[in-house]
Amino acid sequence: MEIPFIYYLVISAVMFFAGVYGFIARKNMLAILISLELMLNAVDINFVVFNRYLYPHALEGFFFTLFAIGVAAAETAIAIAIIINIYRNIKNIQADKLNEMKN
């Protein structure tokens, strides 16, 4: 028995909007980064689901998702390096305190 298409889309939408809420509401840069990754994973789910239902014998959506996961991993590594550098300079990773770096 196959799971209906709409169930995947609902899960993806909940993940995406949870990420949007976390991105807007959080002040901690690590929490913002996690929220951004949650949004990217929701998009990856959509790529795979639409590929599976529109082109069941093609693998373009799967390869695109693997590429997106690789790019997201590289982006996360760079973002964490930037956050560590900010912490070393101002001893804080709150997004609203970054104006202190201008001084």
C-alpha atoms as a PDB file:
ATOM      1  CA  MET A   1       0.000   0.000   0.000  1.00  0.00           C
ATOM      2  CA  GLU A   2       1.435   3.347  -1.072  1.00  0.00           C
ATOM      3  CA  ILE A   3       1.336   6.445   1.125  1.00  0.00           C
ATOM      4  CA  PRO A   4      -0.696   9.242  -0.505  1.00  0.00           C
ATOM      5  CA  PHE A   5       1.116  12.199  -2.039  1.00  0.00           C
ATOM      6  CA  ILE A   6      -0.531  14.789   0.217  1.00  0.00           C
ATOM      7  CA  TYR A   7       0.900  13.282   3.428  1.00  0.00           C
ATOM      8  CA  TYR A   8       4.443  14.013   2.291  1.00  0.00           C
ATOM      9  CA  LEU A   9       3.499  17.553   1.323  1.00  0.00           C
ATOM     10  CA  VAL A  10       1.860  18.211   4.697  1.00  0.00           C
ATOM     11  CA  ILE A  11       4.956  16.994   6.558  1.00  0.00           C
ATOM     12  CA  SER A  12       7.166  19.104   4.314  1.00  0.00           C
ATOM     13  CA  ALA A  13       4.999  22.199   4.824  1.00  0.00           C
ATOM     14  CA  VAL A  14       5.011  21.768   8.617  1.00  0.00           C
ATOM     15  CA  MET A  15       8.798  21.402   8.589  1.00  0.00           C
ATOM     16  CA  PHE A  16       9.239  24.442   6.353  1.00  0.00           C
ATOM     17  CA  PHE A  17       7.004  26.729   8.392  1.00  0.00           C
ATOM     18  CA  ALA A  18       8.564  25.539  11.656  1.00  0.00           C
ATOM     19  CA  GLY A  19      11.892  26.559  10.143  1.00  0.00           C
ATOM     20  CA  VAL A  20      10.528  29.948   9.076  1.00  0.00           C
ATOM     21  CA  TYR A  21       9.155  30.557  12.571  1.00  0.00           C
ATOM     22  CA  GLY A  22      12.458  29.563  14.162  1.00  0.00           C
ATOM     23  CA  PHE A  23      14.399  31.764  11.749  1.00  0.00           C
ATOM     24  CA  ILE A  24      12.264  34.804  12.555  1.00  0.00           C
ATOM     25  CA  ALA A  25      11.702  34.255  16.285  1.00  0.00           C
ATOM     26  CA  ARG A  26      15.128  33.104  17.514  1.00  0.00           C
ATOM     27  CA  LYS A  27      17.993  35.378  18.527  1.00  0.00           C
ATOM     28  CA  ASN A  28      20.681  32.712  18.914  1.00  0.00           C
ATOM     29  CA  MET A  29      22.668  32.272  15.701  1.00  0.00           C
ATOM     30  CA  LEU A  30      22.923  28.479  16.136  1.00  0.00           C
ATOM     31  CA  ALA A  31      19.133  28.220  16.458  1.00  0.00           C
ATOM     32  CA  ILE A  32      18.782  30.358  13.327  1.00  0.00           C
ATOM     33  CA  LEU A  33      21.173  28.021  11.494  1.00  0.00           C
ATOM     34  CA  ILE A  34      19.205  24.951  12.607  1.00  0.00           C
ATOM     35  CA  SER A  35      15.978  26.591  11.422  1.00  0.00           C
ATOM     36  CA  LEU A  36      17.549  27.285   8.042  1.00  0.00           C
ATOM     37  CA  GLU A  37      18.609  23.649   7.756  1.00  0.00           C
ATOM     38  CA  LEU A  38      15.063  22.558   8.619  1.00  0.00           C
ATOM     39  CA  MET A  39      13.741  24.651   5.732  1.00  0.00           C
ATOM     40  CA  LEU A  40      16.314  23.165   3.341  1.00  0.00           C
ATOM     41  CA  ASN A  41      15.368  19.629   4.386  1.00  0.00           C
ATOM     42  CA  ALA A  42      11.688  20.386   3.753  1.00  0.00           C
ATOM     43  CA  VAL A  43      12.584  21.488   0.229  1.00  0.00           C
ATOM     44  CA  ASP A  44      14.609  18.303  -0.278  1.00  0.00           C
ATOM     45  CA  ILE A  45      11.578  16.220   0.712  1.00  0.00           C
ATOM     46  CA  ASN A  46       9.531  18.055  -1.921  1.00  0.00           C
ATOM     47  CA  PHE A  47      12.155  17.331  -4.611  1.00  0.00           C
ATOM     48  CA  VAL A  48      12.062  13.614  -3.903  1.00  0.00           C
ATOM     49  CA  VAL A  49       8.268  13.422  -3.603  1.00  0.00           C
ATOM     50  CA  PHE A  50       7.567  15.291  -6.829  1.00  0.00           C
ATOM     51  CA  ASN A  51      10.171  13.220  -8.653  1.00  0.00           C
ATOM     52  CA  ARG A  52       8.638   9.992  -7.336  1.00  0.00           C
ATOM     53  CA  TYR A  53       5.097  10.861  -8.360  1.00  0.00           C
ATOM     54  CA  LEU A  54       5.728  12.726 -11.633  1.00  0.00           C
ATOM     55  CA  TYR A  55       8.585  10.605 -13.014  1.00  0.00           C
ATOM     56  CA  PRO A  56       8.584   7.260 -11.180  1.00  0.00           C
ATOM     57  CA  HIS A  57      11.437   5.743 -13.213  1.00  0.00           C
ATOM     58  CA  ALA A  58      13.731   8.789 -13.309  1.00  0.00           C
ATOM     59  CA  LEU A  59      16.192   9.742 -10.586  1.00  0.00           C
ATOM     60  CA  GLU A  60      16.726  13.479 -11.206  1.00  0.00           C
ATOM     61  CA  GLY A  61      14.961  14.509  -7.995  1.00  0.00           C
ATOM     62  CA  PHE A  62      17.048  12.099  -5.950  1.00  0.00           C
ATOM     63  CA  PHE A  63      20.326  13.309  -7.438  1.00  0.00           C
ATOM     64  CA  PHE A  64      19.302  16.933  -7.011  1.00  0.00           C
ATOM     65  CA  THR A  65      18.446  16.223  -3.372  1.00  0.00           C
ATOM     66  CA  LEU A  66      21.823  14.562  -2.767  1.00  0.00           C
ATOM     67  CA  PHE A  67      23.525  17.589  -4.312  1.00  0.00           C
ATOM     68  CA  ALA A  68      21.431  19.932  -2.125  1.00  0.00           C
ATOM     69  CA  ILE A  69      22.337  17.956   1.008  1.00  0.00           C
ATOM     70  CA  GLY A  70      26.035  18.223   0.113  1.00  0.00           C
ATOM     71  CA  VAL A  71      25.771  21.971  -0.422  1.00  0.00           C
ATOM     72  CA  ALA A  72      23.837  22.341   2.853  1.00  0.00           C
ATOM     73  CA  ALA A  73      26.561  20.440   4.720  1.00  0.00           C
ATOM     74  CA  ALA A  74      29.246  22.732   3.299  1.00  0.00           C
ATOM     75  CA  GLU A  75      27.143  25.796   4.117  1.00  0.00           C
ATOM     76  CA  THR A  76      26.656  24.576   7.683  1.00  0.00           C
ATOM     77  CA  ALA A  77      30.382  24.030   8.160  1.00  0.00           C
ATOM     78  CA  ILE A  78      31.133  27.561   6.938  1.00  0.00           C
ATOM     79  CA  ALA A  79      28.354  29.076   9.062  1.00  0.00           C
ATOM     80  CA  ILE A  80      29.584  27.311  12.209  1.00  0.00           C
ATOM     81  CA  ALA A  81      33.131  28.553  11.510  1.00  0.00           C
ATOM     82  CA  ILE A  82      31.780  32.108  11.213  1.00  0.00           C
ATOM     83  CA  ILE A  83      29.781  31.723  14.446  1.00  0.00           C
ATOM     84  CA  ILE A  84      32.876  30.438  16.278  1.00  0.00           C
ATOM     85  CA  ASN A  85      34.871  33.415  15.003  1.00  0.00           C
ATOM     86  CA  ILE A  86      32.151  35.823  16.157  1.00  0.00           C
ATOM     87  CA  TYR A  87      32.107  34.152  19.582  1.00  0.00           C
ATOM     88  CA  ARG A  88      35.867  34.525  19.904  1.00  0.00           C
ATOM     89  CA  ASN A  89      35.621  38.262  19.150  1.00  0.00           C
ATOM     90  CA  ILE A  90      32.595  39.369  21.186  1.00  0.00           C
ATOM     91  CA  LYS A  91      31.892  36.345  23.472  1.00  0.00           C
ATOM     92  CA  ASN A  92      28.258  36.261  22.366  1.00  0.00           C
ATOM     93  CA  ILE A  93      26.307  34.625  19.540  1.00  0.00           C
ATOM     94  CA  GLN A  94      23.037  36.522  19.903  1.00  0.00           C
ATOM     95  CA  ALA A  95      22.034  37.970  16.523  1.00  0.00           C
ATOM     96  CA  ASP A  96      20.906  41.287  18.007  1.00  0.00           C
ATOM     97  CA  LYS A  97      24.325  41.868  19.624  1.00  0.00           C
ATOM     98  CA  LEU A  98      26.287  41.782  16.346  1.00  0.00           C
ATOM     99  CA  ASN A  99      26.298  45.591  16.139  1.00  0.00           C
ATOM    100  CA  GLU A 100      29.086  45.493  18.731  1.00  0.00           C
ATOM    101  CA  MET A 101      31.438  44.182  16.038  1.00  0.00           C
ATOM    102  CA  LYS A 102      31.184  47.488  14.159  1.00  0.00           C
ATOM    103  CA  ASN A 103      32.901  49.359  17.007  1.00  0.00           C
END
